[in-house]
Amino acid sequence: MTSEEEKICNASFEIIAGVGQARSLYIRAIHSAEAFDFDQAGAYIDEGKKAYLEGHARHTELLQQVVDGTETPVNMILAHAEDQLMSAEGFGILAEEFITVCKLIEGRSDV
């Protein structure tokens, strides 16, 4: 493995770690909303967004390299990282929607 391929793999694992943590936090937010603990659900959402942004920032760095003219070799680990990035983004959106639905079920008017 070349040093460039190793850098891509390391960046990919950083993306996977960040967005994987985000997805886990979004799932915790859903579970908290199911229990009508909206303060905790919101805290998990906020923490998840921070973790997601860490992974996303690393992905953006890879994209910037391409824009700057440095070709990025795509491998299965990078493809997996991008898949996890998109999955986590979807989980975040759905978690926030789920919290809203739980608030409506509880009869809250602040939705």
C-alpha atoms as a PDB file:
ATOM      1  CA  MET A   1       0.000   0.000   0.000  1.00  0.00           C
ATOM      2  CA  THR A   2       1.384   3.392  -0.975  1.00  0.00           C
ATOM      3  CA  SER A   3       1.506   6.270   1.489  1.00  0.00           C
ATOM      4  CA  GLU A   4      -1.303   8.000  -0.441  1.00  0.00           C
ATOM      5  CA  GLU A   5      -3.504   4.893  -0.210  1.00  0.00           C
ATOM      6  CA  GLU A   6      -2.713   4.674   3.493  1.00  0.00           C
ATOM      7  CA  LYS A   7      -3.747   8.322   3.966  1.00  0.00           C
ATOM      8  CA  ILE A   8      -7.039   7.626   2.186  1.00  0.00           C
ATOM      9  CA  CYS A   9      -7.667   4.566   4.376  1.00  0.00           C
ATOM     10  CA  ASN A  10      -6.925   6.526   7.549  1.00  0.00           C
ATOM     11  CA  ALA A  11      -9.209   9.351   6.456  1.00  0.00           C
ATOM     12  CA  SER A  12     -11.897   6.799   5.597  1.00  0.00           C
ATOM     13  CA  PHE A  13     -11.694   5.257   9.052  1.00  0.00           C
ATOM     14  CA  GLU A  14     -11.953   8.724  10.614  1.00  0.00           C
ATOM     15  CA  ILE A  15     -15.098   9.360   8.578  1.00  0.00           C
ATOM     16  CA  ILE A  16     -16.553   5.979   9.574  1.00  0.00           C
ATOM     17  CA  ALA A  17     -15.796   6.578  13.263  1.00  0.00           C
ATOM     18  CA  GLY A  18     -17.348  10.054  13.328  1.00  0.00           C
ATOM     19  CA  VAL A  19     -20.501   9.291  11.425  1.00  0.00           C
ATOM     20  CA  GLY A  20     -20.906   5.908  13.107  1.00  0.00           C
ATOM     21  CA  GLN A  21     -20.927   7.673  16.461  1.00  0.00           C
ATOM     22  CA  ALA A  22     -23.445  10.158  15.076  1.00  0.00           C
ATOM     23  CA  ARG A  23     -25.763   7.396  13.889  1.00  0.00           C
ATOM     24  CA  SER A  24     -25.611   5.723  17.314  1.00  0.00           C
ATOM     25  CA  LEU A  25     -26.496   9.011  18.992  1.00  0.00           C
ATOM     26  CA  TYR A  26     -29.397   9.562  16.614  1.00  0.00           C
ATOM     27  CA  ILE A  27     -30.741   6.121  17.522  1.00  0.00           C
ATOM     28  CA  ARG A  28     -30.420   7.004  21.209  1.00  0.00           C
ATOM     29  CA  ALA A  29     -32.361  10.199  20.483  1.00  0.00           C
ATOM     30  CA  ILE A  30     -35.171   8.129  18.965  1.00  0.00           C
ATOM     31  CA  HIS A  31     -35.255   5.859  22.011  1.00  0.00           C
ATOM     32  CA  SER A  32     -35.386   8.882  24.307  1.00  0.00           C
ATOM     33  CA  ALA A  33     -38.237  10.360  22.267  1.00  0.00           C
ATOM     34  CA  GLU A  34     -40.135   7.074  22.553  1.00  0.00           C
ATOM     35  CA  ALA A  35     -39.905   7.538  26.321  1.00  0.00           C
ATOM     36  CA  PHE A  36     -41.053  11.190  25.887  1.00  0.00           C
ATOM     37  CA  ASP A  37     -37.705  12.395  27.274  1.00  0.00           C
ATOM     38  CA  PHE A  38     -37.338  15.209  24.771  1.00  0.00           C
ATOM     39  CA  ASP A  39     -34.574  17.029  26.629  1.00  0.00           C
ATOM     40  CA  GLN A  40     -32.369  13.941  26.406  1.00  0.00           C
ATOM     41  CA  ALA A  41     -33.438  13.342  22.811  1.00  0.00           C
ATOM     42  CA  GLY A  42     -32.382  16.870  21.921  1.00  0.00           C
ATOM     43  CA  ALA A  43     -29.061  16.434  23.684  1.00  0.00           C
ATOM     44  CA  TYR A  44     -28.380  13.274  21.689  1.00  0.00           C
ATOM     45  CA  ILE A  45     -29.302  15.051  18.462  1.00  0.00           C
ATOM     46  CA  ASP A  46     -26.911  17.908  19.259  1.00  0.00           C
ATOM     47  CA  GLU A  47     -24.106  15.515  20.165  1.00  0.00           C
ATOM     48  CA  GLY A  48     -24.821  13.473  17.035  1.00  0.00           C
ATOM     49  CA  LYS A  49     -24.596  16.553  14.843  1.00  0.00           C
ATOM     50  CA  LYS A  50     -21.168  17.359  16.278  1.00  0.00           C
ATOM     51  CA  ALA A  51     -19.926  13.820  15.648  1.00  0.00           C
ATOM     52  CA  TYR A  52     -21.384  13.885  12.134  1.00  0.00           C
ATOM     53  CA  LEU A  53     -19.645  17.171  11.364  1.00  0.00           C
ATOM     54  CA  GLU A  54     -16.294  15.679  12.399  1.00  0.00           C
ATOM     55  CA  GLY A  55     -16.687  12.883   9.866  1.00  0.00           C
ATOM     56  CA  HIS A  56     -18.097  15.233   7.261  1.00  0.00           C
ATOM     57  CA  ALA A  57     -15.184  17.643   7.699  1.00  0.00           C
ATOM     58  CA  ARG A  58     -12.724  14.833   6.987  1.00  0.00           C
ATOM     59  CA  HIS A  59     -14.721  13.916   3.867  1.00  0.00           C
ATOM     60  CA  THR A  60     -14.666  17.548   2.758  1.00  0.00           C
ATOM     61  CA  GLU A  61     -10.875  17.552   3.074  1.00  0.00           C
ATOM     62  CA  LEU A  62     -10.717  14.611   0.659  1.00  0.00           C
ATOM     63  CA  LEU A  63     -13.026  16.413  -1.755  1.00  0.00           C
ATOM     64  CA  GLN A  64     -10.869  19.539  -1.549  1.00  0.00           C
ATOM     65  CA  GLN A  65      -7.820  17.488  -2.525  1.00  0.00           C
ATOM     66  CA  VAL A  66      -9.628  16.423  -5.686  1.00  0.00           C
ATOM     67  CA  VAL A  67     -10.602  20.038  -6.424  1.00  0.00           C
ATOM     68  CA  ASP A  68      -6.950  21.006  -5.929  1.00  0.00           C
ATOM     69  CA  GLY A  69      -5.933  18.446  -8.550  1.00  0.00           C
ATOM     70  CA  THR A  70      -4.803  15.570  -6.338  1.00  0.00           C
ATOM     71  CA  GLU A  71      -6.406  12.392  -7.578  1.00  0.00           C
ATOM     72  CA  THR A  72      -7.917  10.363  -4.750  1.00  0.00           C
ATOM     73  CA  PRO A  73      -7.776   6.605  -5.231  1.00  0.00           C
ATOM     74  CA  VAL A  74     -11.171   5.122  -4.475  1.00  0.00           C
ATOM     75  CA  ASN A  75     -11.194   1.806  -2.640  1.00  0.00           C
ATOM     76  CA  MET A  76     -13.800  -0.222  -0.785  1.00  0.00           C
ATOM     77  CA  ILE A  77     -13.004   1.456   2.545  1.00  0.00           C
ATOM     78  CA  LEU A  78     -13.601   4.925   1.099  1.00  0.00           C
ATOM     79  CA  ALA A  79     -16.784   3.726  -0.598  1.00  0.00           C
ATOM     80  CA  HIS A  80     -17.938   2.282   2.739  1.00  0.00           C
ATOM     81  CA  ALA A  81     -17.092   5.579   4.485  1.00  0.00           C
ATOM     82  CA  GLU A  82     -19.183   7.533   2.009  1.00  0.00           C
ATOM     83  CA  ASP A  83     -22.042   5.068   2.409  1.00  0.00           C
ATOM     84  CA  GLN A  84     -21.883   5.449   6.189  1.00  0.00           C
ATOM     85  CA  LEU A  85     -21.774   9.233   5.816  1.00  0.00           C
ATOM     86  CA  MET A  86     -24.987   9.256   3.808  1.00  0.00           C
ATOM     87  CA  SER A  87     -26.633   6.736   6.114  1.00  0.00           C
ATOM     88  CA  ALA A  88     -25.858   8.841   9.178  1.00  0.00           C
ATOM     89  CA  GLU A  89     -27.226  11.935   7.484  1.00  0.00           C
ATOM     90  CA  GLY A  90     -30.481  10.094   6.806  1.00  0.00           C
ATOM     91  CA  PHE A  91     -30.660   8.826  10.374  1.00  0.00           C
ATOM     92  CA  GLY A  92     -30.253  12.387  11.661  1.00  0.00           C
ATOM     93  CA  ILE A  93     -33.074  13.694   9.519  1.00  0.00           C
ATOM     94  CA  LEU A  94     -35.371  10.832  10.469  1.00  0.00           C
ATOM     95  CA  ALA A  95     -34.494  11.089  14.168  1.00  0.00           C
ATOM     96  CA  GLU A  96     -35.535  14.730  14.220  1.00  0.00           C
ATOM     97  CA  GLU A  97     -38.767  13.894  12.430  1.00  0.00           C
ATOM     98  CA  PHE A  98     -39.413  11.022  14.831  1.00  0.00           C
ATOM     99  CA  ILE A  99     -38.965  13.345  17.812  1.00  0.00           C
ATOM    100  CA  THR A 100     -41.552  15.684  16.292  1.00  0.00           C
ATOM    101  CA  VAL A 101     -44.005  12.795  15.841  1.00  0.00           C
ATOM    102  CA  CYS A 102     -43.505  11.704  19.459  1.00  0.00           C
ATOM    103  CA  LYS A 103     -44.172  15.263  20.612  1.00  0.00           C
ATOM    104  CA  LEU A 104     -47.397  15.280  18.599  1.00  0.00           C
ATOM    105  CA  ILE A 105     -48.406  11.952  20.113  1.00  0.00           C
ATOM    106  CA  GLU A 106     -47.823  13.374  23.576  1.00  0.00           C
ATOM    107  CA  GLY A 107     -49.978  16.360  22.630  1.00  0.00           C
ATOM    108  CA  ARG A 108     -47.302  19.026  22.786  1.00  0.00           C
ATOM    109  CA  SER A 109     -47.927  22.253  20.952  1.00  0.00           C
ATOM    110  CA  ASP A 110     -44.270  23.284  20.583  1.00  0.00           C
ATOM    111  CA  VAL A 111     -43.688  21.366  17.373  1.00  0.00           C
END
